[in-house]
Protein backbone atom coordinates (compact mmCIF):
# COMPACT_ATOMS: atom_id res chain seq x y z
CA MET A 1 85.73 100.75 85.19
CA ILE A 2 88.94 102.66 85.99
CA MET A 3 88.16 102.53 89.70
CA GLN A 4 87.82 98.76 89.45
CA GLU A 5 91.22 98.57 87.75
CA LEU A 6 92.75 100.75 90.46
CA ASP A 7 91.28 98.54 93.18
CA GLN A 8 92.69 95.43 91.48
CA LEU A 9 96.06 97.12 91.11
CA GLN A 10 96.05 98.03 94.79
CA GLN A 11 95.30 94.45 95.80
CA ALA A 12 98.06 93.12 93.54
CA ALA A 13 100.56 95.65 94.91
CA LEU A 14 99.71 94.82 98.51
CA LYS A 15 100.07 91.11 97.80
CA ALA A 16 103.44 91.71 96.14
CA ILE A 17 104.64 93.81 99.08
CA ASP A 18 103.56 91.13 101.56
CA GLY A 19 105.55 88.58 99.55
CA ALA A 20 108.74 90.65 99.39
CA ILE A 21 111.55 88.65 100.94
CA ASP A 22 114.21 91.36 101.03
CA ILE A 23 114.84 95.06 100.45
CA PRO A 24 115.88 94.70 96.78
CA ALA A 25 112.64 92.83 96.03
CA LEU A 26 110.64 95.53 97.78
CA GLU A 27 112.46 98.22 95.79
CA GLN A 28 111.66 96.38 92.56
CA TYR A 29 107.96 96.33 93.47
CA ARG A 30 108.12 100.05 94.19
CA VAL A 31 109.55 100.67 90.73
CA ASP A 32 107.07 98.27 89.09
CA TYR A 33 104.05 99.97 90.62
CA LEU A 34 105.11 103.57 91.33
CA GLY A 35 107.99 104.22 88.95
CA LYS A 36 107.96 106.47 85.88
CA ASN A 37 106.54 103.67 83.73
CA GLY A 38 104.94 101.80 86.61
CA ALA A 39 101.49 100.27 86.64
CA LEU A 40 99.91 102.99 88.80
CA THR A 41 101.54 105.78 86.81
CA GLU A 42 100.17 104.36 83.56
CA ARG A 43 96.64 104.11 85.04
CA LEU A 44 96.78 107.68 86.32
CA LYS A 45 97.81 108.91 82.87
CA MET A 46 94.64 107.28 81.53
CA LEU A 47 92.49 109.38 83.88
CA GLY A 48 93.28 112.50 81.89
CA GLN A 49 91.86 110.88 78.77
CA LEU A 50 88.50 110.08 80.34
CA PRO A 51 85.50 112.31 79.73
CA VAL A 52 84.85 114.61 82.71
CA ALA A 53 81.62 112.79 83.54
CA ASP A 54 83.48 109.47 83.88
CA ARG A 55 86.30 110.73 86.07
CA PRO A 56 86.24 109.70 89.72
CA ALA A 57 85.26 112.50 92.07
């Protein structure tokens, strides 16, 4: 489940990066996905809440 979400997030991020038309847009995508409250950061925080058996190896 979480791995599926991470794969979808990766695809969305790559699509956004490909569509960036200038440096400020690219920087905004970096913040949106990798920033302190970014999409990837939020997903990684969720990993710590998963039972050990469900965590990706």
